[in-house]
Amino acid sequence: MRLEVPALLLAGALAASPVWGAEDTAARVEAAIAANPVKGARVAVCVRRLSDGVEIVGKREREPLSIASNTKLVTTAAALWRLGADYQFQTRLVADGALEGGLLKGNLILIGGGDPNISGRATGDLFHVPALMAKAAREAGIVTVQGDLVLDDRFFDRVHRAPTWPNEESLWWYSAPVGALSFNDNCADVSVTGAATAGAPPVVDARPPFMRLINRCVTIPKGKAGNISFARDPSGAVIVEGTVEIGHTRTESITVEEPALFLGQALSHELEKAGVTLQGTARLIRGGEEISKTASELYVWRSGLKESITIANQRSQNFYAEQVFKTLGASGGHPGSFESGAAAVRAFCRAIRLPDGVVTLVDGCGLSLEDKATAQALTGLLEAMYRSKLREPYINSLATNAEPKSTLRHRLGEPWMAGRIHAKTGTIESRGISALSGYAEALDGEVYCFSVLVNGAASLGHAYSLEDDVCRALVQSPRKESAKPETEPKKEGARP
């Protein structure tokens, strides 16, 4: 987080701010709240000044509300606290059997560690990691695997989706399943391209090409509106139905059902390309099946927690948040689960002295309506992280106003606001839920943490206006130097 502003930028900001003055910051925030009523909604606002920890604004700040993707603020903070900023996910490929003349008399075993980064997100090559693994196997002298490619996903349980997630949305990328072995965010991009003539079947394919597709689409003439739908049949295949215009392409990111097998297909594909023949099949590890102590390690893929929480927070990527959540749970020595992840979060909240019940999580991303917190608890968490040694990686993981590739890229773009908000958005449009919580740096250098929670809004546009105007009020308003707390501030989180 930037805590110093270049003199020229500061001078420009002072000139550009239409309401700059010496009025009290709290009064400006209260005015922003009053000027932005959100019809039909419950609204909670809490603001703390971080130079002294004083809570300067509180409106329904102790009422638990659904927090949508503000859940990720809690998940990622708990992960940094429990796992450490330098934590690395590990995925290991081992050979379990004797190697004789290029023949592995046994199995290749892929051991998962919950890594969300086995994809083309960083390199642009979907098969980058499986290709490295296959290359390592071939360079170890393996030409033929007599046994199977065994997928050891026991670092997590096999409950791939939280029970409270909406079933009707399970196809879409934001409901991607969670798995100790995962590939490409556990989604495939399914494309439907109209044929050259009306009445012909369009081309339907998937990338990566491991999803079973049933094409029930028809190409229609140019100028007519197409209508494509996606569904999953009982066998797990994706049914594509409807109409698509000649030459038009529609692409959707569709979830897979078995994350470990999805990665197994990718690795099998790359093994074949590398000249390694798999005589068996790619399969899940069986109950009670053990890896021998003589198994030899062929390759270890590692990726960092800091990079992962940045993707979770800046892009609001649910899959990343859930992988981190279950990894939290697995850090206690048991398989990662939604329940053990929630228990780890509760332990973190107690460690930063938040009262029981002010934060309740059932998943790591906020897709569930049961993820709730008070605005006061979220500012307590934000203050605790700000005062900890984890401040830098935590704040750097958040979205910054008007920055590309973040959820705040289209918000608070005034030049005098540049880079002064570091926050997490949250939205469940169907329920009128919106949230924005994070840090604001005022033009005088004072830093505030804030939380604005809106539930049941008839218009999310009004909720966004409220959130943005609270941020503007904090950035524009310097603290009065004479302002000193006369009593203990109201707070739920104390400094660790």
Protein backbone atom coordinates (compact mmCIF):
# COMPACT_ATOMS: atom_id res chain seq x y z
CA MET A 1 0.00 0.00 0.00
CA ARG A 2 1.34 3.41 -0.91
CA LEU A 3 1.61 5.64 2.14
CA GLU A 4 3.41 8.56 0.51
CA VAL A 5 2.05 10.68 -2.33
CA PRO A 6 4.38 12.59 -4.68
CA ALA A 7 4.16 16.34 -4.13
CA LEU A 8 2.85 17.04 -7.65
CA LEU A 9 0.13 14.42 -7.28
CA LEU A 10 -0.86 15.79 -3.90
CA ALA A 11 -1.03 19.34 -5.23
CA GLY A 12 -3.15 18.21 -8.15
CA ALA A 13 -5.42 16.28 -5.82
CA LEU A 14 -5.96 19.29 -3.58
CA ALA A 15 -6.90 21.41 -6.56
CA ALA A 16 -9.17 18.77 -8.08
CA SER A 17 -11.11 17.88 -4.95
CA PRO A 18 -14.36 19.84 -5.05
CA VAL A 19 -15.19 19.37 -1.37
CA TRP A 20 -11.74 19.59 0.21
CA GLY A 21 -11.83 21.28 3.58
CA ALA A 22 -11.17 20.89 7.27
CA GLU A 23 -14.50 19.28 8.16
CA ASP A 24 -14.42 16.21 10.30
CA THR A 25 -13.96 12.92 8.38
CA ALA A 26 -16.74 11.21 10.28
CA ALA A 27 -19.17 13.95 9.31
CA ARG A 28 -18.25 13.53 5.64
CA VAL A 29 -18.81 9.78 5.81
CA GLU A 30 -22.16 10.30 7.54
CA ALA A 31 -23.09 12.76 4.80
CA ALA A 32 -22.15 10.20 2.13
CA ILE A 33 -24.37 7.61 3.82
CA ALA A 34 -27.28 10.06 4.04
CA ALA A 35 -26.88 11.08 0.40
CA ASN A 36 -27.01 7.45 -0.83
CA PRO A 37 -30.09 5.69 0.54
CA VAL A 38 -30.35 2.10 -0.71
CA LYS A 39 -34.03 1.28 -1.08
CA GLY A 40 -35.26 -1.80 0.75
CA ALA A 41 -31.80 -2.75 2.03
CA ARG A 42 -30.11 -3.33 5.34
CA VAL A 43 -26.94 -1.25 5.32
CA ALA A 44 -24.02 -1.52 7.73
CA VAL A 45 -21.01 0.80 7.74
CA CYS A 46 -17.96 0.83 9.98
CA VAL A 47 -14.83 3.02 9.68
CA ARG A 48 -11.69 2.95 11.84
CA ARG A 49 -8.86 5.42 11.83
CA LEU A 50 -5.65 3.41 11.90
CA SER A 51 -3.33 5.99 13.47
CA ASP A 52 -5.07 5.41 16.81
CA GLY A 53 -7.60 2.62 16.21
CA VAL A 54 -10.63 4.81 16.87
CA GLU A 55 -13.91 3.71 15.32
CA ILE A 56 -15.16 6.99 13.88
CA VAL A 57 -18.33 5.78 12.12
CA GLY A 58 -20.70 2.97 12.99
CA LYS A 59 -24.08 2.23 11.42
CA ARG A 60 -25.61 -1.16 12.22
CA GLU A 61 -21.99 -2.17 12.58
CA ARG A 62 -22.74 -5.09 14.93
CA GLU A 63 -25.41 -6.71 12.77
CA PRO A 64 -24.27 -9.91 10.99
CA LEU A 65 -24.96 -9.64 7.25
CA SER A 66 -24.17 -11.78 4.23
CA ILE A 67 -20.79 -10.64 2.91
CA ALA A 68 -20.51 -12.36 -0.50
CA SER A 69 -16.91 -12.22 -1.73
CA ASN A 70 -15.78 -10.17 1.26
CA THR A 71 -15.48 -13.69 2.63
CA LYS A 72 -12.17 -13.83 0.76
CA LEU A 73 -10.79 -11.10 3.04
CA VAL A 74 -11.16 -13.52 5.95
CA THR A 75 -9.95 -16.62 4.10
CA THR A 76 -6.79 -15.00 2.77
CA ALA A 77 -5.96 -13.29 6.07
CA ALA A 78 -6.32 -16.60 7.92
CA ALA A 79 -4.13 -18.33 5.32
CA LEU A 80 -1.32 -15.80 5.71
CA TRP A 81 -1.57 -16.07 9.50
CA ARG A 82 -1.64 -19.86 9.66
CA LEU A 83 0.46 -20.93 6.67
CA GLY A 84 2.84 -17.97 6.37
CA ALA A 85 3.49 -15.61 3.48
CA ASP A 86 6.18 -17.92 2.08
CA TYR A 87 4.00 -21.05 2.01
CA GLN A 88 4.24 -23.07 -1.19
CA PHE A 89 1.79 -25.57 -2.60
CA GLN A 90 3.50 -28.78 -3.73
CA THR A 91 2.42 -31.36 -6.30
CA ARG A 92 4.71 -34.40 -6.53
CA LEU A 93 5.15 -37.00 -9.24
CA VAL A 94 6.72 -40.25 -7.97
CA ALA A 95 7.57 -43.62 -9.50
CA ASP A 96 6.49 -46.51 -7.28
CA GLY A 97 8.25 -49.59 -8.63
CA ALA A 98 11.49 -50.85 -10.05
CA LEU A 99 12.79 -49.38 -13.31
CA GLU A 100 14.33 -51.94 -15.62
CA GLY A 101 15.38 -51.12 -19.17
CA GLY A 102 12.88 -48.28 -19.52
CA LEU A 103 10.01 -50.28 -17.98
CA LEU A 104 8.55 -49.01 -14.70
CA LYS A 105 7.26 -52.13 -12.94
CA GLY A 106 4.67 -50.29 -10.95
CA ASN A 107 2.69 -47.08 -10.91
CA LEU A 108 3.30 -43.43 -11.52
CA ILE A 109 1.69 -41.54 -8.65
CA LEU A 110 0.70 -37.89 -8.65
CA ILE A 111 0.38 -36.55 -5.09
CA GLY A 112 -1.74 -33.43 -4.70
CA GLY A 113 -1.23 -30.54 -2.31
CA GLY A 114 -4.18 -28.32 -3.16
CA ASP A 115 -2.37 -26.16 -5.72
CA PRO A 116 -4.74 -23.87 -7.67
CA ASN A 117 -2.01 -22.85 -10.13
CA ILE A 118 -1.72 -25.88 -12.42
CA SER A 119 -3.04 -24.04 -15.45
CA GLY A 120 -2.02 -21.66 -18.19
CA ARG A 121 -2.84 -18.60 -16.11
CA ALA A 122 0.81 -17.54 -15.72
CA THR A 123 2.37 -18.88 -18.94
CA GLY A 124 -0.53 -18.99 -21.39
CA ASP A 125 0.14 -22.70 -21.91
CA LEU A 126 -2.55 -24.90 -20.36
CA PHE A 127 -0.24 -27.90 -20.38
CA HIS A 128 2.88 -26.21 -19.01
CA VAL A 129 2.98 -28.12 -15.70
CA PRO A 130 1.85 -31.54 -17.02
CA ALA A 131 4.46 -31.18 -19.78
CA LEU A 132 7.21 -30.54 -17.21
CA MET A 133 6.13 -33.63 -15.29
CA ALA A 134 6.05 -35.82 -18.38
CA LYS A 135 9.46 -34.56 -19.44
CA ALA A 136 10.86 -35.43 -16.01
CA ALA A 137 9.47 -38.95 -16.24
CA ARG A 138 11.02 -39.49 -19.65
CA GLU A 139 14.35 -38.02 -18.57
CA ALA A 140 14.36 -40.43 -15.61
CA GLY A 141 14.49 -43.23 -18.20
CA ILE A 142 10.82 -44.28 -18.13
CA VAL A 143 9.56 -45.42 -21.52
CA THR A 144 6.69 -47.65 -20.41
CA VAL A 145 4.62 -47.64 -17.21
CA GLN A 146 3.41 -51.14 -16.51
CA GLY A 147 0.86 -49.96 -13.98
CA ASP A 148 -1.45 -46.97 -13.63
CA LEU A 149 -1.25 -43.24 -13.22
CA VAL A 150 -2.55 -43.06 -9.66
CA LEU A 151 -4.02 -39.75 -8.55
CA ASP A 152 -3.51 -39.24 -4.83
CA ASP A 153 -5.97 -36.49 -3.88
CA ARG A 154 -6.17 -37.34 -0.18
CA PHE A 155 -4.82 -33.96 0.97
CA PHE A 156 -8.48 -32.85 0.66
CA ASP A 157 -11.68 -34.79 1.08
CA ARG A 158 -13.79 -35.45 -2.02
CA VAL A 159 -16.64 -33.09 -1.23
CA HIS A 160 -16.01 -30.86 -4.21
CA ARG A 161 -18.70 -28.24 -3.57
CA ALA A 162 -20.10 -26.78 -0.38
CA PRO A 163 -23.60 -28.11 0.37
CA THR A 164 -24.96 -24.55 0.56
CA TRP A 165 -23.92 -23.61 -2.98
CA PRO A 166 -26.81 -23.20 -5.44
CA ASN A 167 -27.12 -26.41 -7.48
CA GLU A 168 -28.53 -24.58 -10.48
CA GLU A 169 -25.25 -22.69 -10.87
CA SER A 170 -22.89 -25.66 -10.67
CA LEU A 171 -22.01 -25.48 -14.39
CA TRP A 172 -20.43 -22.04 -14.25
CA TRP A 173 -16.80 -21.16 -13.53
CA TYR A 174 -17.54 -19.40 -10.25
CA SER A 175 -18.87 -22.72 -8.86
CA ALA A 176 -15.81 -24.74 -9.88
CA PRO A 177 -15.22 -27.87 -7.76
CA VAL A 178 -12.42 -28.00 -5.20
CA GLY A 179 -9.77 -30.70 -5.29
CA ALA A 180 -6.32 -31.51 -3.97
CA LEU A 181 -5.40 -32.25 -7.60
CA SER A 182 -6.85 -29.66 -9.97
CA PHE A 183 -6.25 -28.41 -13.48
CA ASN A 184 -7.15 -25.23 -15.37
CA ASP A 185 -9.35 -23.87 -12.54
CA ASN A 186 -11.32 -27.14 -12.94
CA CYS A 187 -13.04 -25.71 -15.99
CA ALA A 188 -12.97 -26.15 -19.75
CA ASP A 189 -13.78 -23.44 -22.27
CA VAL A 190 -16.63 -24.80 -24.37
CA SER A 191 -16.97 -23.02 -27.74
CA VAL A 192 -19.92 -23.18 -30.13
CA THR A 193 -19.20 -21.87 -33.66
CA GLY A 194 -21.89 -21.58 -36.31
CA ALA A 195 -21.33 -23.51 -39.51
CA ALA A 196 -21.03 -21.87 -42.96
CA THR A 197 -24.63 -22.72 -43.90
CA ALA A 198 -27.91 -22.48 -42.03
CA GLY A 199 -29.31 -25.79 -40.85
CA ALA A 200 -25.90 -27.40 -40.44
CA PRO A 201 -24.64 -28.44 -37.00
CA PRO A 202 -22.18 -25.92 -35.51
CA VAL A 203 -18.72 -26.92 -34.32
CA VAL A 204 -18.68 -27.58 -30.56
CA ASP A 205 -15.38 -28.18 -28.85
CA ALA A 206 -13.66 -27.80 -25.51
CA ARG A 207 -10.26 -26.53 -24.41
CA PRO A 208 -8.67 -28.53 -22.89
CA PRO A 209 -10.27 -31.31 -24.93
CA PHE A 210 -11.20 -33.69 -22.10
CA MET A 211 -14.86 -32.83 -21.63
CA ARG A 212 -17.55 -35.09 -23.10
CA LEU A 213 -19.90 -32.96 -25.21
CA ILE A 214 -23.31 -33.69 -26.71
CA ASN A 215 -24.07 -31.31 -29.59
CA ARG A 216 -27.75 -30.58 -30.13
CA CYS A 217 -27.27 -27.16 -31.73
CA VAL A 218 -28.36 -25.86 -35.13
CA THR A 219 -26.84 -23.05 -37.21
CA ILE A 220 -29.25 -20.25 -38.17
CA PRO A 221 -28.93 -17.48 -40.81
CA LYS A 222 -27.00 -14.30 -40.15
CA GLY A 223 -28.98 -11.53 -38.54
CA LYS A 224 -31.06 -13.86 -36.39
CA ALA A 225 -30.51 -13.98 -32.62
CA GLY A 226 -29.10 -17.26 -31.39
CA ASN A 227 -29.95 -18.90 -28.09
CA ILE A 228 -27.60 -21.50 -26.62
CA SER A 229 -28.07 -23.39 -23.37
CA PHE A 230 -25.79 -25.73 -21.45
CA ALA A 231 -26.73 -28.61 -19.16
CA ARG A 232 -25.13 -31.70 -17.68
CA ASP A 233 -26.65 -35.12 -18.23
CA PRO A 234 -26.59 -37.85 -15.54
CA SER A 235 -23.41 -39.36 -16.99
CA GLY A 236 -21.54 -36.08 -16.59
CA ALA A 237 -21.47 -35.09 -20.25
CA VAL A 238 -22.25 -31.49 -21.13
CA ILE A 239 -25.26 -31.02 -23.40
CA VAL A 240 -25.14 -28.00 -25.71
CA GLU A 241 -28.53 -27.07 -27.18
CA GLY A 242 -30.07 -24.22 -29.14
CA THR A 243 -29.17 -22.07 -32.12
CA VAL A 244 -26.13 -20.09 -33.22
CA GLU A 245 -25.70 -17.65 -36.10
CA ILE A 246 -23.55 -18.52 -39.13
CA GLY A 247 -19.89 -17.85 -38.27
CA HIS A 248 -20.69 -16.63 -34.74
CA THR A 249 -18.85 -18.11 -31.73
CA ARG A 250 -19.97 -18.26 -28.14
CA THR A 251 -17.60 -19.54 -25.46
CA GLU A 252 -18.42 -20.39 -21.86
CA SER A 253 -16.17 -21.65 -19.06
CA ILE A 254 -17.87 -24.84 -17.86
CA THR A 255 -16.95 -26.79 -14.74
CA VAL A 256 -15.75 -30.39 -14.65
CA GLU A 257 -17.05 -33.00 -12.22
CA GLU A 258 -13.86 -34.85 -11.15
CA PRO A 259 -10.90 -32.48 -10.65
CA ALA A 260 -8.22 -35.12 -10.09
CA LEU A 261 -9.22 -37.14 -13.16
CA PHE A 262 -9.21 -33.93 -15.21
CA LEU A 263 -5.55 -33.37 -14.29
CA GLY A 264 -4.89 -37.07 -14.85
CA GLN A 265 -6.15 -36.76 -18.42
CA ALA A 266 -3.86 -33.79 -19.02
CA LEU A 267 -0.82 -35.62 -17.65
CA SER A 268 -1.64 -38.79 -19.62
CA HIS A 269 -1.83 -36.65 -22.76
CA GLU A 270 1.60 -35.15 -22.08
CA LEU A 271 3.17 -38.48 -21.16
CA GLU A 272 2.17 -39.83 -24.55
CA LYS A 273 3.62 -36.77 -26.28
CA ALA A 274 6.87 -37.21 -24.34
CA GLY A 275 7.21 -40.84 -25.47
CA VAL A 276 6.02 -42.51 -22.26
CA THR A 277 3.47 -45.31 -22.73
CA LEU A 278 0.96 -45.86 -19.93
CA GLN A 279 -0.24 -49.46 -20.03
CA GLY A 280 -2.79 -48.91 -17.26
CA THR A 281 -5.23 -46.05 -16.74
CA ALA A 282 -5.41 -42.76 -14.89
CA ARG A 283 -7.42 -43.43 -11.71
CA LEU A 284 -8.09 -42.14 -8.22
CA ILE A 285 -6.11 -43.69 -5.39
CA ARG A 286 -8.08 -46.38 -3.60
CA GLY A 287 -8.97 -46.47 0.06
CA GLY A 288 -6.15 -48.04 2.04
CA GLU A 289 -3.77 -47.94 -0.93
CA GLU A 290 -0.29 -46.96 0.20
CA ILE A 291 2.77 -45.56 -1.53
CA SER A 292 5.90 -47.58 -0.85
CA LYS A 293 8.76 -46.03 1.07
CA THR A 294 11.06 -46.85 -1.83
CA ALA A 295 9.08 -44.73 -4.32
CA SER A 296 11.37 -42.27 -6.11
CA GLU A 297 10.50 -38.62 -6.65
CA LEU A 298 10.59 -37.56 -10.29
CA TYR A 299 9.32 -33.98 -10.15
CA VAL A 300 7.91 -31.43 -7.71
CA TRP A 301 5.82 -28.49 -8.88
CA ARG A 302 5.61 -25.58 -6.46
CA SER A 303 3.66 -22.34 -6.44
CA GLY A 304 3.27 -19.59 -3.86
CA LEU A 305 0.47 -18.63 -1.49
CA LYS A 306 1.06 -14.90 -1.98
CA GLU A 307 0.41 -15.13 -5.71
CA SER A 308 -2.66 -17.29 -5.08
CA ILE A 309 -4.33 -14.95 -2.60
CA THR A 310 -3.69 -12.07 -4.99
CA ILE A 311 -5.68 -13.86 -7.69
CA ALA A 312 -8.38 -14.71 -5.15
CA ASN A 313 -8.72 -11.11 -3.97
CA GLN A 314 -7.93 -8.93 -6.97
CA ARG A 315 -9.94 -11.02 -9.43
CA SER A 316 -12.40 -12.46 -6.90
CA GLN A 317 -11.57 -15.95 -8.15
CA ASN A 318 -13.72 -18.36 -6.13
CA PHE A 319 -11.76 -21.47 -7.08
CA TYR A 320 -8.52 -20.01 -5.70
CA ALA A 321 -10.20 -18.98 -2.45
CA GLU A 322 -11.64 -22.46 -1.94
CA GLN A 323 -8.32 -24.17 -2.62
CA VAL A 324 -6.74 -21.91 0.01
CA PHE A 325 -9.66 -22.55 2.41
CA LYS A 326 -9.29 -26.33 2.28
CA THR A 327 -5.50 -26.04 2.49
CA LEU A 328 -6.06 -24.15 5.74
CA GLY A 329 -8.10 -27.07 6.96
CA ALA A 330 -5.47 -29.58 5.89
CA SER A 331 -2.79 -27.71 7.83
CA GLY A 332 -4.14 -29.31 11.01
CA GLY A 333 -3.05 -32.76 9.89
CA HIS A 334 -6.43 -33.97 8.62
CA PRO A 335 -7.77 -33.89 5.05
CA GLY A 336 -8.83 -30.43 4.02
CA SER A 337 -12.59 -29.98 4.10
CA PHE A 338 -15.10 -27.18 4.27
CA GLU A 339 -15.55 -27.97 7.96
CA SER A 340 -11.83 -27.99 8.81
CA GLY A 341 -11.31 -24.80 6.80
CA ALA A 342 -14.08 -23.10 8.78
CA ALA A 343 -12.51 -24.32 12.03
CA ALA A 344 -9.15 -22.83 11.01
CA VAL A 345 -10.85 -19.51 10.29
CA ARG A 346 -12.51 -19.55 13.72
CA ALA A 347 -9.12 -20.13 15.33
CA PHE A 348 -7.69 -17.18 13.42
CA CYS A 349 -10.55 -14.92 14.49
CA ARG A 350 -9.96 -15.83 18.12
CA ALA A 351 -6.24 -15.17 17.71
CA ILE A 352 -6.95 -11.59 16.59
CA ARG A 353 -9.47 -11.25 19.44
CA LEU A 354 -12.70 -11.15 17.51
CA PRO A 355 -15.64 -12.37 19.62
CA ASP A 356 -17.21 -15.68 18.68
CA GLY A 357 -20.12 -15.34 16.29
CA VAL A 358 -19.18 -12.07 14.58
CA VAL A 359 -17.69 -13.98 11.62
CA THR A 360 -19.30 -17.18 10.29
CA LEU A 361 -17.90 -18.92 7.21
CA VAL A 362 -19.06 -22.17 5.61
CA ASP A 363 -16.87 -21.79 2.52
CA GLY A 364 -13.85 -19.74 1.54
CA CYS A 365 -15.18 -17.62 -1.30
CA GLY A 366 -18.58 -16.24 -0.28
CA LEU A 367 -20.80 -18.12 -2.71
CA SER A 368 -22.92 -19.30 0.21
CA LEU A 369 -25.51 -16.97 1.75
CA GLU A 370 -24.48 -18.39 5.12
CA ASP A 371 -21.13 -16.57 5.01
CA LYS A 372 -21.79 -13.67 7.36
CA ALA A 373 -19.94 -11.06 9.38
CA THR A 374 -20.49 -7.72 11.04
CA ALA A 375 -18.98 -4.61 9.51
CA GLN A 376 -17.26 -4.04 12.83
CA ALA A 377 -15.65 -7.48 12.73
CA LEU A 378 -14.31 -6.91 9.21
CA THR A 379 -12.72 -3.61 10.21
CA GLY A 380 -11.29 -5.37 13.26
CA LEU A 381 -9.71 -7.96 10.97
CA LEU A 382 -8.42 -5.27 8.62
CA GLU A 383 -6.86 -3.39 11.53
CA ALA A 384 -5.23 -6.56 12.88
CA MET A 385 -3.68 -7.33 9.50
CA TYR A 386 -2.52 -3.73 9.08
CA ARG A 387 -0.67 -3.87 12.41
CA SER A 388 0.85 -7.29 11.77
CA LYS A 389 4.01 -8.36 9.95
CA LEU A 390 1.71 -9.61 7.21
CA ARG A 391 0.54 -6.12 6.25
CA GLU A 392 2.42 -5.88 2.95
CA PRO A 393 1.42 -9.21 1.34
CA TYR A 394 -2.14 -8.82 2.56
CA ILE A 395 -2.74 -5.28 1.31
CA ASN A 396 -0.90 -6.00 -1.93
CA SER A 397 -3.31 -8.86 -2.59
CA LEU A 398 -6.32 -6.52 -2.66
CA ALA A 399 -7.86 -4.76 -5.63
CA THR A 400 -6.76 -1.15 -6.18
CA ASN A 401 -9.17 1.43 -7.54
CA ALA A 402 -9.03 1.97 -11.32
CA GLU A 403 -6.28 -0.65 -11.74
CA PRO A 404 -6.66 -3.04 -14.73
CA LYS A 405 -7.36 -6.73 -14.10
CA SER A 406 -9.02 -6.12 -10.75
CA THR A 407 -12.61 -5.91 -9.61
CA LEU A 408 -12.20 -2.15 -8.99
CA ARG A 409 -10.95 -1.40 -12.49
CA HIS A 410 -14.05 0.62 -13.42
CA ARG A 411 -14.54 2.37 -10.09
CA LEU A 412 -13.18 5.47 -8.37
CA GLY A 413 -11.12 6.52 -11.37
CA GLU A 414 -10.75 10.22 -10.53
CA PRO A 415 -7.09 11.30 -10.79
CA TRP A 416 -7.03 12.56 -7.20
CA MET A 417 -8.20 9.11 -6.01
CA ALA A 418 -5.45 7.23 -7.83
CA GLY A 419 -4.16 4.23 -5.90
CA ARG A 420 -5.74 5.24 -2.60
CA ILE A 421 -8.27 2.42 -2.17
CA HIS A 422 -7.20 -1.17 -1.55
CA ALA A 423 -10.29 -3.26 -1.02
CA LYS A 424 -12.35 -6.37 -1.70
CA THR A 425 -15.64 -6.24 -3.55
CA GLY A 426 -18.53 -8.63 -3.00
CA THR A 427 -21.69 -9.15 -5.02
CA ILE A 428 -24.59 -11.60 -5.17
CA GLU A 429 -26.83 -9.81 -7.63
CA SER A 430 -29.83 -12.12 -7.28
CA ARG A 431 -30.09 -11.31 -3.58
CA GLY A 432 -29.21 -7.62 -3.76
CA ILE A 433 -26.00 -8.18 -1.81
CA SER A 434 -23.03 -5.87 -2.23
CA ALA A 435 -19.99 -5.27 -0.06
CA LEU A 436 -16.81 -3.25 -0.15
CA SER A 437 -14.25 -3.47 2.63
CA GLY A 438 -10.60 -2.47 2.78
CA TYR A 439 -8.24 0.46 3.26
CA ALA A 440 -8.43 4.11 2.24
CA GLU A 441 -5.53 6.57 2.33
CA ALA A 442 -6.60 10.18 2.82
CA LEU A 443 -4.85 13.05 1.09
CA ASP A 444 -3.27 14.04 4.41
CA GLY A 445 -1.69 10.57 4.74
CA GLU A 446 -4.12 9.21 7.34
CA VAL A 447 -5.13 5.59 6.65
CA TYR A 448 -8.58 4.21 7.43
CA CYS A 449 -10.06 0.75 7.25
CA PHE A 450 -13.70 0.51 6.35
CA SER A 451 -16.51 -1.92 5.64
CA VAL A 452 -19.75 -1.20 3.79
CA LEU A 453 -22.24 -4.10 3.70
CA VAL A 454 -25.54 -3.97 1.83
CA ASN A 455 -28.14 -6.77 1.90
CA GLY A 456 -31.43 -6.78 -0.01
CA ALA A 457 -30.83 -3.83 -2.31
CA ALA A 458 -33.43 -3.21 -4.98
CA SER A 459 -30.66 -1.63 -7.08
CA LEU A 460 -27.02 -2.61 -6.79
CA GLY A 461 -26.16 0.63 -8.55
CA HIS A 462 -27.28 2.51 -5.46
CA ALA A 463 -25.14 0.22 -3.30
CA TYR A 464 -22.08 0.89 -5.46
CA SER A 465 -22.71 4.64 -5.24
CA LEU A 466 -22.83 4.43 -1.46
CA GLU A 467 -19.61 2.41 -1.29
CA ASP A 468 -17.77 4.71 -3.66
CA ASP A 469 -18.92 7.90 -1.92
CA VAL A 470 -17.78 6.54 1.45
CA CYS A 471 -14.35 5.98 -0.12
CA ARG A 472 -14.33 9.50 -1.57
CA ALA A 473 -15.25 10.95 1.81
CA LEU A 474 -12.35 9.13 3.46
CA VAL A 475 -9.79 10.11 0.84
CA GLN A 476 -10.85 13.76 0.66
CA SER A 477 -11.07 14.36 4.38
CA PRO A 478 -8.03 15.00 6.58
CA ARG A 479 -8.21 14.16 10.26
CA LYS A 480 -8.44 17.10 12.62
CA GLU A 481 -5.16 17.26 14.49
CA SER A 482 -7.02 18.13 17.68
CA ALA A 483 -9.27 15.08 17.52
CA LYS A 484 -8.45 12.74 20.40
CA PRO A 485 -10.55 9.86 21.68
CA GLU A 486 -11.98 10.62 25.11
CA THR A 487 -13.22 7.08 25.74
CA GLU A 488 -12.24 3.62 24.67
CA PRO A 489 -13.27 3.09 21.02
CA LYS A 490 -15.90 0.52 20.15
CA LYS A 491 -14.16 -2.38 18.49
CA GLU A 492 -14.37 -6.13 18.11
CA GLY A 493 -10.77 -6.73 17.11
CA ALA A 494 -7.80 -5.72 19.20
CA ARG A 495 -4.23 -5.28 18.09
CA PRO A 496 -2.38 -8.57 18.14
